[in-house]
């Protein structure tokens, strides 16, 4: 039996829908150079900066996070400790919010500023407008971390640790271990870990 042309077009449209096949970014590979290091972003204070400017002599940590994800809330109590660790080891740290689709639903710059004050962030929290940096990194979820060495080469990507629900119950502290190994000049034992979190709310 011949299928009417309009049904074929309708079926193709449904199968092409982002709701069925969501955007799957190509993630940055270990050893890759940090992209978009000169791309300007705006933090909650209104300051314009780049991730390249944030980097310090021993490297750079880029944390993709947001305001509206419950998984971020679970891990957020560890952000300040991570910041202290990066400062101690002369690694720059910046948090980026790529949720362009939720700018009017809690992920705008004003709400980000409130989050900074409430959670006492002591590191830059900036808007990744149109998720341009997230797309270049291949980020799929929040929270997700990218650790780069002094040459801005990626050495670790993935989750902060293995237990979102309880910091005291963590068995493997992935990011902390990677930082220690980086500073010691050792090969990162687990350069990739699975990220658990909310999908990025991309525009469109």
N, C-alpha and C. Protein backbone atom coordinates (compact mmCIF):
# COMPACT_ATOMS: atom_id res chain seq x y z
N UNK A 1 0.84 -1.20 0.00
CA UNK A 1 0.00 0.00 0.00
C UNK A 1 0.87 1.25 0.00
N UNK A 2 0.55 2.23 -0.84
CA UNK A 2 1.31 3.48 -0.92
C UNK A 2 1.01 4.36 0.29
N UNK A 3 2.07 4.88 0.90
CA UNK A 3 1.89 5.81 2.02
C UNK A 3 1.77 7.22 1.47
N UNK A 4 0.71 7.94 1.85
CA UNK A 4 0.55 9.31 1.34
C UNK A 4 1.77 10.17 1.63
N UNK A 5 2.09 11.06 0.70
CA UNK A 5 3.27 11.90 0.80
C UNK A 5 3.27 12.74 2.08
N UNK A 6 2.09 13.27 2.45
CA UNK A 6 2.05 14.13 3.64
C UNK A 6 2.37 13.36 4.91
N UNK A 7 2.04 12.05 4.94
CA UNK A 7 2.36 11.23 6.11
C UNK A 7 3.86 10.97 6.20
N UNK A 8 4.49 10.81 5.05
CA UNK A 8 5.95 10.62 5.02
C UNK A 8 6.65 11.86 5.55
N UNK A 9 6.19 13.04 5.11
CA UNK A 9 6.78 14.30 5.57
C UNK A 9 6.57 14.48 7.06
N UNK A 10 5.36 14.15 7.55
CA UNK A 10 5.05 14.27 8.97
C UNK A 10 5.92 13.34 9.79
N UNK A 11 6.09 12.10 9.34
CA UNK A 11 6.91 11.13 10.05
C UNK A 11 8.35 11.59 10.13
N UNK A 12 8.87 12.11 9.03
CA UNK A 12 10.25 12.61 8.99
C UNK A 12 10.42 13.76 9.98
N UNK A 13 9.43 14.65 10.05
CA UNK A 13 9.50 15.79 10.96
C UNK A 13 9.53 15.35 12.40
N UNK A 14 8.71 14.34 12.72
CA UNK A 14 8.66 13.84 14.11
C UNK A 14 9.97 13.18 14.48
N UNK A 15 10.51 12.36 13.58
CA UNK A 15 11.75 11.65 13.86
C UNK A 15 12.94 12.60 13.95
N UNK A 16 12.84 13.76 13.32
CA UNK A 16 13.92 14.74 13.35
C UNK A 16 13.81 15.67 14.54
N UNK A 17 12.77 15.52 15.32
CA UNK A 17 12.53 16.42 16.44
C UNK A 17 13.61 16.31 17.50
N UNK A 18 14.01 17.44 18.08
CA UNK A 18 15.01 17.45 19.15
C UNK A 18 14.51 16.76 20.40
N UNK A 19 13.18 16.67 20.55
CA UNK A 19 12.65 16.01 21.74
C UNK A 19 12.90 14.52 21.70
N UNK A 20 13.03 13.96 20.48
CA UNK A 20 13.31 12.53 20.35
C UNK A 20 14.81 12.29 20.25
N UNK A 21 15.48 13.11 19.44
CA UNK A 21 16.92 12.99 19.28
C UNK A 21 17.56 14.31 19.73
N UNK A 22 17.76 14.48 21.06
CA UNK A 22 18.33 15.73 21.55
C UNK A 22 19.75 15.94 21.04
N UNK A 23 20.16 17.18 21.04
CA UNK A 23 21.49 17.55 20.57
C UNK A 23 22.57 16.82 21.38
N UNK A 24 23.45 16.14 20.68
CA UNK A 24 24.54 15.43 21.34
C UNK A 24 25.86 16.07 20.93
N UNK A 25 26.44 16.89 21.80
CA UNK A 25 27.69 17.56 21.45
C UNK A 25 28.86 16.59 21.39
N UNK A 26 29.85 16.94 20.60
CA UNK A 26 31.06 16.13 20.52
C UNK A 26 32.02 16.60 21.61
N UNK A 27 32.22 15.75 22.60
CA UNK A 27 33.00 16.16 23.77
C UNK A 27 34.49 16.28 23.47
N UNK A 28 35.06 17.28 24.08
CA UNK A 28 36.50 17.53 23.96
C UNK A 28 37.28 16.32 24.46
N UNK A 29 38.27 15.90 23.69
CA UNK A 29 39.04 14.72 24.06
C UNK A 29 40.20 15.07 24.98
N UNK A 30 40.59 14.11 25.81
CA UNK A 30 41.75 14.29 26.68
C UNK A 30 42.97 14.62 25.83
N UNK A 31 43.71 15.64 26.27
CA UNK A 31 44.88 16.08 25.53
C UNK A 31 44.60 17.27 24.62
N UNK A 32 43.31 17.56 24.39
CA UNK A 32 42.94 18.68 23.53
C UNK A 32 43.23 20.01 24.22
N UNK A 33 43.54 21.01 23.43
CA UNK A 33 43.73 22.36 23.94
C UNK A 33 42.38 22.97 24.30
N UNK A 34 42.36 23.78 25.33
CA UNK A 34 41.13 24.47 25.71
C UNK A 34 40.69 25.39 24.58
N UNK A 35 39.44 25.25 24.12
CA UNK A 35 38.96 26.13 23.05
C UNK A 35 38.42 27.45 23.60
N UNK A 36 38.30 28.44 22.75
CA UNK A 36 37.66 29.71 23.07
C UNK A 36 38.26 30.41 24.29
N UNK A 37 39.56 30.33 24.41
CA UNK A 37 40.22 30.94 25.58
C UNK A 37 40.19 32.46 25.55
N UNK A 38 39.91 33.05 24.37
CA UNK A 38 39.84 34.50 24.26
C UNK A 38 38.41 35.01 24.16
N UNK A 39 37.46 34.13 24.31
CA UNK A 39 36.05 34.51 24.19
C UNK A 39 35.58 35.20 25.48
N UNK A 40 35.03 36.39 25.34
CA UNK A 40 34.61 37.17 26.50
C UNK A 40 33.28 36.66 27.07
N UNK A 41 33.25 36.54 28.39
CA UNK A 41 32.01 36.22 29.10
C UNK A 41 31.80 37.28 30.18
N UNK A 42 30.58 37.38 30.66
CA UNK A 42 30.25 38.36 31.69
C UNK A 42 29.89 37.65 32.98
N UNK A 43 30.56 38.02 34.08
CA UNK A 43 30.23 37.38 35.36
C UNK A 43 29.15 38.18 36.09
N UNK A 44 28.77 37.71 37.27
CA UNK A 44 27.63 38.30 37.97
C UNK A 44 27.88 39.74 38.43
N UNK A 45 29.14 40.16 38.47
CA UNK A 45 29.46 41.53 38.85
C UNK A 45 29.41 42.48 37.66
N UNK A 46 29.22 41.91 36.46
CA UNK A 46 29.23 42.71 35.24
C UNK A 46 30.60 42.78 34.61
N UNK A 47 31.57 42.13 35.22
CA UNK A 47 32.93 42.13 34.69
C UNK A 47 33.03 41.26 33.45
N UNK A 48 33.81 41.71 32.47
CA UNK A 48 34.07 40.94 31.26
C UNK A 48 35.41 40.24 31.40
N UNK A 49 35.45 38.95 31.15
CA UNK A 49 36.69 38.18 31.29
C UNK A 49 36.68 37.00 30.35
N UNK A 50 37.84 36.33 30.24
CA UNK A 50 37.95 35.13 29.41
C UNK A 50 38.48 33.99 30.27
N UNK A 51 38.25 32.76 29.81
CA UNK A 51 38.77 31.63 30.57
C UNK A 51 40.30 31.60 30.51
N UNK A 52 40.84 32.16 29.43
CA UNK A 52 42.30 32.25 29.33
C UNK A 52 42.88 33.16 30.39
N UNK A 53 42.16 34.24 30.72
CA UNK A 53 42.62 35.17 31.75
C UNK A 53 42.51 34.55 33.15
N UNK A 54 41.57 33.64 33.31
CA UNK A 54 41.37 33.00 34.62
C UNK A 54 42.47 31.97 34.91
N UNK A 55 42.98 31.33 33.87
CA UNK A 55 44.01 30.30 34.04
C UNK A 55 45.20 30.81 34.84
N UNK A 56 45.77 29.94 35.67
CA UNK A 56 46.96 30.29 36.44
C UNK A 56 48.13 29.40 36.02
N UNK A 57 49.23 29.52 36.71
CA UNK A 57 50.47 28.87 36.25
C UNK A 57 50.39 27.35 36.19
N UNK A 58 49.52 26.74 36.99
CA UNK A 58 49.43 25.28 36.97
C UNK A 58 48.20 24.75 36.25
N UNK A 59 47.39 25.65 35.71
CA UNK A 59 46.26 25.16 34.95
C UNK A 59 44.97 25.92 35.12
N UNK A 60 43.89 25.26 34.73
CA UNK A 60 42.56 25.88 34.70
C UNK A 60 41.49 24.83 34.97
N UNK A 61 40.51 25.20 35.78
CA UNK A 61 39.35 24.34 36.02
C UNK A 61 38.11 25.10 35.56
N UNK A 62 37.37 24.50 34.62
CA UNK A 62 36.12 25.08 34.15
C UNK A 62 34.98 24.21 34.64
N UNK A 63 34.09 24.82 35.41
CA UNK A 63 32.93 24.13 35.97
C UNK A 63 31.68 24.62 35.26
N UNK A 64 31.01 23.72 34.56
CA UNK A 64 29.73 24.07 33.94
C UNK A 64 28.63 23.74 34.93
N UNK A 65 27.88 24.77 35.31
CA UNK A 65 26.88 24.63 36.35
C UNK A 65 25.69 25.53 36.02
N UNK A 66 24.72 25.59 36.90
CA UNK A 66 23.55 26.44 36.66
C UNK A 66 22.82 26.65 37.98
N UNK A 67 21.66 27.31 37.92
CA UNK A 67 20.87 27.57 39.12
C UNK A 67 19.73 26.59 39.31
N UNK A 68 19.28 25.97 38.22
CA UNK A 68 17.99 25.28 38.24
C UNK A 68 18.08 23.76 38.29
N UNK A 69 19.25 23.21 38.32
CA UNK A 69 19.41 21.75 38.30
C UNK A 69 19.52 21.19 39.72
N UNK A 70 18.69 20.22 40.10
CA UNK A 70 18.79 19.62 41.43
C UNK A 70 20.11 18.88 41.67
N UNK A 71 20.74 18.40 40.59
CA UNK A 71 22.04 17.74 40.75
C UNK A 71 23.13 18.74 41.14
N UNK A 72 23.00 19.96 40.64
CA UNK A 72 23.92 21.02 41.06
C UNK A 72 23.76 21.27 42.54
N UNK A 73 22.52 21.35 43.01
CA UNK A 73 22.25 21.57 44.43
C UNK A 73 22.89 20.48 45.28
N UNK A 74 22.86 19.24 44.79
CA UNK A 74 23.45 18.13 45.54
C UNK A 74 24.96 18.29 45.70
N UNK A 75 25.63 18.76 44.64
CA UNK A 75 27.10 18.86 44.66
C UNK A 75 27.61 20.24 45.11
N UNK A 76 26.73 21.22 45.18
CA UNK A 76 27.16 22.60 45.38
C UNK A 76 27.92 22.82 46.69
N UNK A 77 27.64 22.01 47.70
CA UNK A 77 28.35 22.18 48.98
C UNK A 77 29.84 21.89 48.86
N UNK A 78 30.26 21.32 47.73
CA UNK A 78 31.67 21.01 47.51
C UNK A 78 32.40 22.07 46.66
N UNK A 79 31.65 23.02 46.13
CA UNK A 79 32.25 24.02 45.24
C UNK A 79 33.32 24.86 45.94
N UNK A 80 33.04 25.28 47.16
CA UNK A 80 34.00 26.13 47.88
C UNK A 80 35.27 25.36 48.20
N UNK A 81 35.14 24.10 48.56
CA UNK A 81 36.32 23.27 48.82
C UNK A 81 37.15 23.09 47.55
N UNK A 82 36.46 22.91 46.44
CA UNK A 82 37.16 22.80 45.16
C UNK A 82 37.92 24.09 44.86
N UNK A 83 37.25 25.21 45.08
CA UNK A 83 37.88 26.51 44.86
C UNK A 83 39.13 26.69 45.72
N UNK A 84 39.04 26.29 47.00
CA UNK A 84 40.19 26.39 47.90
C UNK A 84 41.33 25.52 47.41
N UNK A 85 40.99 24.34 46.91
CA UNK A 85 42.00 23.41 46.40
C UNK A 85 42.70 23.98 45.16
N UNK A 86 41.93 24.58 44.27
CA UNK A 86 42.54 25.15 43.07
C UNK A 86 43.42 26.35 43.41
N UNK A 87 42.97 27.18 44.35
CA UNK A 87 43.79 28.33 44.77
C UNK A 87 45.11 27.86 45.37
N UNK A 88 45.03 26.85 46.23
CA UNK A 88 46.22 26.31 46.88
C UNK A 88 47.22 25.79 45.86
N UNK A 89 46.70 25.23 44.77
CA UNK A 89 47.57 24.62 43.76
C UNK A 89 47.79 25.50 42.53
N UNK A 90 47.41 26.77 42.65
CA UNK A 90 47.63 27.76 41.57
C UNK A 90 47.01 27.31 40.25
N UNK A 91 45.75 26.90 40.37
CA UNK A 91 44.93 26.54 39.22
C UNK A 91 43.76 27.51 39.19
N UNK A 92 43.56 28.19 38.08
CA UNK A 92 42.44 29.12 37.98
C UNK A 92 41.12 28.36 37.90
N UNK A 93 40.04 28.96 38.43
CA UNK A 93 38.73 28.32 38.40
C UNK A 93 37.67 29.31 37.97
N UNK A 94 36.78 28.85 37.10
CA UNK A 94 35.64 29.66 36.68
C UNK A 94 34.43 28.73 36.51
N UNK A 95 33.25 29.23 36.89
CA UNK A 95 32.00 28.51 36.67
C UNK A 95 31.24 29.21 35.55
N UNK A 96 30.68 28.42 34.63
CA UNK A 96 29.93 28.96 33.50
C UNK A 96 28.52 28.38 33.50
N UNK A 97 27.55 29.23 33.22
CA UNK A 97 26.16 28.80 33.14
C UNK A 97 25.72 28.82 31.67
N UNK A 98 25.55 27.64 31.06
CA UNK A 98 25.23 27.56 29.63
C UNK A 98 23.73 27.44 29.32
N UNK A 99 22.87 27.51 30.34
CA UNK A 99 21.45 27.23 30.14
C UNK A 99 20.69 28.37 29.45
N UNK A 100 20.99 28.60 28.19
CA UNK A 100 20.37 29.70 27.45
C UNK A 100 18.85 29.58 27.38
N UNK A 101 18.36 28.36 27.31
CA UNK A 101 16.92 28.15 27.24
C UNK A 101 16.17 28.46 28.51
N UNK A 102 16.91 28.65 29.61
CA UNK A 102 16.28 28.93 30.91
C UNK A 102 16.65 30.31 31.46
N UNK A 103 17.10 31.23 30.60
CA UNK A 103 17.53 32.55 31.08
C UNK A 103 16.40 33.28 31.79
N UNK A 104 15.17 33.05 31.35
CA UNK A 104 14.01 33.70 31.97
C UNK A 104 13.31 32.80 32.98
N UNK A 105 13.96 31.68 33.28
CA UNK A 105 13.35 30.71 34.21
C UNK A 105 14.30 30.35 35.34
N UNK A 106 15.16 31.31 35.72
CA UNK A 106 16.03 31.09 36.87
C UNK A 106 17.51 31.06 36.58
N UNK A 107 17.88 31.05 35.30
CA UNK A 107 19.30 31.00 34.95
C UNK A 107 19.81 32.27 34.29
N UNK A 108 19.18 33.39 34.63
CA UNK A 108 19.65 34.69 34.16
C UNK A 108 20.74 35.24 35.06
N UNK A 109 21.37 36.30 34.63
CA UNK A 109 22.51 36.87 35.36
C UNK A 109 22.12 37.36 36.75
N UNK A 110 20.92 37.95 36.87
CA UNK A 110 20.48 38.44 38.18
C UNK A 110 20.32 37.30 39.17
N UNK A 111 19.68 36.21 38.73
CA UNK A 111 19.51 35.04 39.60
C UNK A 111 20.84 34.39 39.92
N UNK A 112 21.76 34.42 38.98
CA UNK A 112 23.10 33.88 39.22
C UNK A 112 23.80 34.67 40.33
N UNK A 113 23.61 35.99 40.31
CA UNK A 113 24.19 36.83 41.36
C UNK A 113 23.64 36.47 42.73
N UNK A 114 22.35 36.21 42.79
CA UNK A 114 21.74 35.81 44.06
C UNK A 114 22.33 34.48 44.53
N UNK A 115 22.58 33.60 43.58
CA UNK A 115 23.16 32.28 43.92
C UNK A 115 24.56 32.44 44.49
N UNK A 116 25.33 33.32 43.90
CA UNK A 116 26.69 33.58 44.38
C UNK A 116 26.68 34.06 45.82
N UNK A 117 25.79 35.00 46.10
CA UNK A 117 25.72 35.55 47.47
C UNK A 117 25.21 34.52 48.47
N UNK A 118 24.22 33.74 48.06
CA UNK A 118 23.65 32.73 48.95
C UNK A 118 24.64 31.61 49.27
N UNK A 119 25.36 31.15 48.24
CA UNK A 119 26.28 30.02 48.40
C UNK A 119 27.72 30.45 48.67
N UNK A 120 27.94 31.77 48.72
CA UNK A 120 29.28 32.31 49.02
C UNK A 120 30.34 31.86 48.03
N UNK A 121 30.01 31.86 46.75
CA UNK A 121 31.01 31.53 45.74
C UNK A 121 32.17 32.52 45.84
N UNK A 122 33.39 32.00 45.81
CA UNK A 122 34.57 32.87 45.82
C UNK A 122 35.37 32.70 44.53
N UNK A 123 34.67 32.43 43.45
CA UNK A 123 35.26 32.24 42.12
C UNK A 123 34.29 32.87 41.12
N UNK A 124 34.75 33.23 39.93
CA UNK A 124 33.87 33.85 38.95
C UNK A 124 32.75 32.90 38.51
N UNK A 125 31.54 33.44 38.44
CA UNK A 125 30.39 32.71 37.91
C UNK A 125 29.86 33.55 36.75
N UNK A 126 29.99 33.03 35.55
CA UNK A 126 29.71 33.83 34.36
C UNK A 126 28.68 33.18 33.45
N UNK A 127 28.06 34.03 32.63
CA UNK A 127 27.06 33.61 31.67
C UNK A 127 27.76 33.10 30.40
N UNK A 128 27.46 31.88 30.01
CA UNK A 128 27.93 31.36 28.73
C UNK A 128 26.84 31.61 27.71
N UNK A 129 26.82 32.83 27.17
CA UNK A 129 25.74 33.26 26.28
C UNK A 129 25.65 32.35 25.05
N UNK A 130 24.42 31.92 24.76
CA UNK A 130 24.15 31.02 23.64
C UNK A 130 24.95 29.72 23.74
N UNK A 131 25.34 29.37 24.97
CA UNK A 131 26.10 28.13 25.26
C UNK A 131 27.24 27.91 24.28
N UNK A 132 27.92 28.98 23.90
CA UNK A 132 28.98 28.88 22.89
C UNK A 132 30.19 28.09 23.40
N UNK A 133 30.59 28.37 24.64
CA UNK A 133 31.74 27.64 25.19
C UNK A 133 31.36 26.19 25.48
N UNK A 134 30.16 26.00 26.02
CA UNK A 134 29.69 24.63 26.29
C UNK A 134 29.67 23.80 25.02
N UNK A 135 29.24 24.40 23.92
CA UNK A 135 29.21 23.68 22.65
C UNK A 135 30.62 23.34 22.19
N UNK A 136 31.54 24.28 22.37
CA UNK A 136 32.94 24.04 21.96
C UNK A 136 33.59 22.95 22.81
N UNK A 137 33.19 22.87 24.08
CA UNK A 137 33.73 21.84 24.96
C UNK A 137 33.02 20.50 24.76
N UNK A 138 31.79 20.55 24.26
CA UNK A 138 31.00 19.33 24.12
C UNK A 138 30.30 18.94 25.40
N UNK A 139 29.92 19.93 26.19
CA UNK A 139 29.28 19.66 27.48
C UNK A 139 27.84 19.19 27.25
N UNK A 140 27.43 18.18 27.99
CA UNK A 140 26.06 17.68 27.86
C UNK A 140 25.23 17.91 29.11
N UNK A 141 25.89 18.01 30.28
CA UNK A 141 25.14 18.09 31.53
C UNK A 141 25.79 19.06 32.52
N UNK A 142 25.00 19.43 33.52
CA UNK A 142 25.52 20.18 34.67
C UNK A 142 25.21 19.39 35.94
N UNK A 143 26.15 19.38 36.89
CA UNK A 143 27.49 19.96 36.82
C UNK A 143 28.47 19.04 36.10
N UNK A 144 29.41 19.64 35.42
CA UNK A 144 30.47 18.90 34.73
C UNK A 144 31.75 19.72 34.79
N UNK A 145 32.88 19.07 35.07
CA UNK A 145 34.14 19.79 35.24
C UNK A 145 35.16 19.39 34.18
N UNK A 146 35.97 20.38 33.80
CA UNK A 146 37.06 20.19 32.84
C UNK A 146 38.33 20.75 33.46
N UNK A 147 39.32 19.90 33.64
CA UNK A 147 40.59 20.30 34.25
C UNK A 147 41.68 20.32 33.17
N UNK A 148 42.36 21.46 33.08
CA UNK A 148 43.44 21.64 32.10
C UNK A 148 44.77 21.85 32.81
N UNK A 149 45.85 21.41 32.18
CA UNK A 149 47.18 21.61 32.77
C UNK A 149 47.73 22.99 32.44
N UNK A 150 48.99 23.21 32.75
CA UNK A 150 49.61 24.52 32.54
C UNK A 150 49.64 24.93 31.08
N UNK A 151 49.63 23.96 30.17
CA UNK A 151 49.61 24.24 28.73
C UNK A 151 48.19 24.32 28.18
N UNK A 152 47.22 24.33 29.11
CA UNK A 152 45.79 24.36 28.76
C UNK A 152 45.39 23.16 27.90
N UNK A 153 45.96 22.00 28.25
CA UNK A 153 45.58 20.73 27.64
C UNK A 153 44.68 19.98 28.61
N UNK A 154 43.60 19.42 28.10
CA UNK A 154 42.64 18.74 28.95
C UNK A 154 43.23 17.47 29.55
N UNK A 155 43.13 17.36 30.89
CA UNK A 155 43.65 16.17 31.57
C UNK A 155 42.56 15.39 32.31
N UNK A 156 41.45 16.06 32.60
CA UNK A 156 40.35 15.36 33.28
C UNK A 156 39.02 16.01 32.89
N UNK A 157 38.01 15.16 32.65
CA UNK A 157 36.65 15.64 32.41
C UNK A 157 35.66 14.66 33.02
N UNK A 158 34.62 15.23 33.66
CA UNK A 158 33.60 14.37 34.22
C UNK A 158 32.98 14.91 35.49
N UNK A 159 32.73 14.01 36.41
CA UNK A 159 32.05 14.34 37.67
C UNK A 159 33.04 14.82 38.72
N UNK A 160 32.52 15.47 39.74
CA UNK A 160 33.33 15.94 40.86
C UNK A 160 33.79 14.76 41.71
N UNK A 161 32.86 13.88 42.02
CA UNK A 161 33.17 12.68 42.80
C UNK A 161 32.10 11.63 42.53
N UNK A 162 32.08 10.56 43.33
CA UNK A 162 31.17 9.45 43.04
C UNK A 162 29.91 9.43 43.88
N UNK A 163 29.64 10.51 44.62
CA UNK A 163 28.44 10.51 45.48
C UNK A 163 27.84 11.91 45.57
N UNK A 164 26.83 12.15 44.75
CA UNK A 164 26.18 13.46 44.77
C UNK A 164 25.42 13.71 46.07
N UNK A 165 24.90 12.65 46.65
CA UNK A 165 24.02 12.79 47.81
C UNK A 165 24.73 13.12 49.11
N UNK A 166 26.00 12.72 49.23
CA UNK A 166 26.68 12.90 50.51
C UNK A 166 28.18 13.05 50.34
N UNK A 167 28.68 14.21 50.71
CA UNK A 167 30.12 14.46 50.60
C UNK A 167 30.91 13.54 51.52
N UNK A 168 30.36 13.24 52.69
CA UNK A 168 31.09 12.40 53.65
C UNK A 168 31.08 10.93 53.25
N UNK A 169 30.23 10.57 52.29
CA UNK A 169 30.15 9.17 51.84
C UNK A 169 30.89 8.93 50.53
N UNK A 170 31.61 9.93 50.06
CA UNK A 170 32.36 9.80 48.82
C UNK A 170 33.45 8.75 48.97
N UNK A 171 33.53 7.84 48.00
CA UNK A 171 34.58 6.82 48.00
C UNK A 171 35.70 7.19 47.03
N UNK A 172 35.33 7.81 45.91
CA UNK A 172 36.33 8.25 44.94
C UNK A 172 36.14 9.73 44.64
N UNK A 173 37.12 10.53 44.99
CA UNK A 173 37.06 11.97 44.78
C UNK A 173 37.78 12.27 43.46
N UNK A 174 37.08 12.07 42.36
CA UNK A 174 37.70 12.10 41.04
C UNK A 174 38.49 13.38 40.77
N UNK A 175 37.84 14.51 40.97
CA UNK A 175 38.48 15.78 40.65
C UNK A 175 39.67 16.06 41.57
N UNK A 176 39.48 15.86 42.85
CA UNK A 176 40.56 16.10 43.81
C UNK A 176 41.77 15.22 43.49
N UNK A 177 41.51 13.96 43.17
CA UNK A 177 42.60 13.05 42.82
C UNK A 177 43.32 13.52 41.55
N UNK A 178 42.54 13.97 40.57
CA UNK A 178 43.13 14.43 39.31
C UNK A 178 44.01 15.65 39.55
N UNK A 179 43.57 16.57 40.41
CA UNK A 179 44.37 17.75 40.72
C UNK A 179 45.67 17.36 41.41
N UNK A 180 45.58 16.44 42.36
CA UNK A 180 46.79 15.98 43.07
C UNK A 180 47.77 15.34 42.10
N UNK A 181 47.27 14.50 41.21
CA UNK A 181 48.13 13.83 40.24
C UNK A 181 48.73 14.83 39.25
N UNK A 182 47.95 15.83 38.86
CA UNK A 182 48.44 16.86 37.96
C UNK A 182 49.59 17.62 38.59
N UNK A 183 49.41 18.06 39.82
CA UNK A 183 50.43 18.84 40.51
C UNK A 183 51.69 18.02 40.76
N UNK A 184 51.50 16.71 40.99
CA UNK A 184 52.64 15.82 41.23
C UNK A 184 53.35 15.43 39.94
N UNK A 185 52.81 15.84 38.81
CA UNK A 185 53.43 15.50 37.53
C UNK A 185 53.16 14.07 37.11
N UNK A 186 52.11 13.47 37.68
CA UNK A 186 51.77 12.09 37.38
C UNK A 186 50.70 12.02 36.29
N UNK A 187 50.57 10.86 35.68
CA UNK A 187 49.51 10.64 34.71
C UNK A 187 48.19 10.53 35.47
N UNK A 188 47.14 11.13 34.93
CA UNK A 188 45.84 11.06 35.59
C UNK A 188 45.29 9.64 35.43
N UNK A 189 45.00 9.01 36.55
CA UNK A 189 44.59 7.61 36.52
C UNK A 189 43.20 7.42 35.93
N UNK A 190 42.30 8.36 36.23
CA UNK A 190 40.95 8.31 35.65
C UNK A 190 40.68 9.64 34.97
N UNK A 191 41.08 9.78 33.72
CA UNK A 191 40.90 11.06 33.02
C UNK A 191 39.46 11.35 32.61
N UNK A 192 38.65 10.30 32.53
CA UNK A 192 37.24 10.46 32.18
C UNK A 192 36.36 9.73 33.18
N UNK A 193 35.32 10.41 33.64
CA UNK A 193 34.32 9.73 34.47
C UNK A 193 32.93 10.11 33.96
N UNK A 194 31.96 9.28 34.29
CA UNK A 194 30.59 9.52 33.85
C UNK A 194 29.99 10.71 34.60
N UNK A 195 29.36 11.59 33.86
CA UNK A 195 28.72 12.76 34.46
C UNK A 195 27.24 12.49 34.68
N UNK A 196 26.81 12.69 35.91
CA UNK A 196 25.39 12.58 36.25
C UNK A 196 24.87 13.99 36.53
N UNK A 197 23.80 14.36 35.86
CA UNK A 197 23.29 15.72 36.07
C UNK A 197 22.14 16.02 35.15
N UNK A 198 21.83 17.31 35.02
CA UNK A 198 20.73 17.77 34.17
C UNK A 198 21.26 18.12 32.79
N UNK A 199 20.51 17.78 31.77
CA UNK A 199 20.91 18.17 30.43
C UNK A 199 20.90 19.69 30.30
N UNK A 200 21.83 20.21 29.52
CA UNK A 200 21.90 21.65 29.31
C UNK A 200 20.68 22.09 28.51
N UNK A 201 20.08 23.18 28.95
CA UNK A 201 18.88 23.71 28.30
C UNK A 201 19.32 24.68 27.20
N UNK A 202 19.62 24.11 26.04
CA UNK A 202 20.09 24.90 24.91
C UNK A 202 18.93 25.67 24.27
N UNK A 203 19.25 26.83 23.69
CA UNK A 203 18.24 27.65 23.05
C UNK A 203 17.71 26.94 21.81
N UNK A 204 16.43 27.13 21.53
CA UNK A 204 15.84 26.50 20.35
C UNK A 204 15.46 25.08 20.63
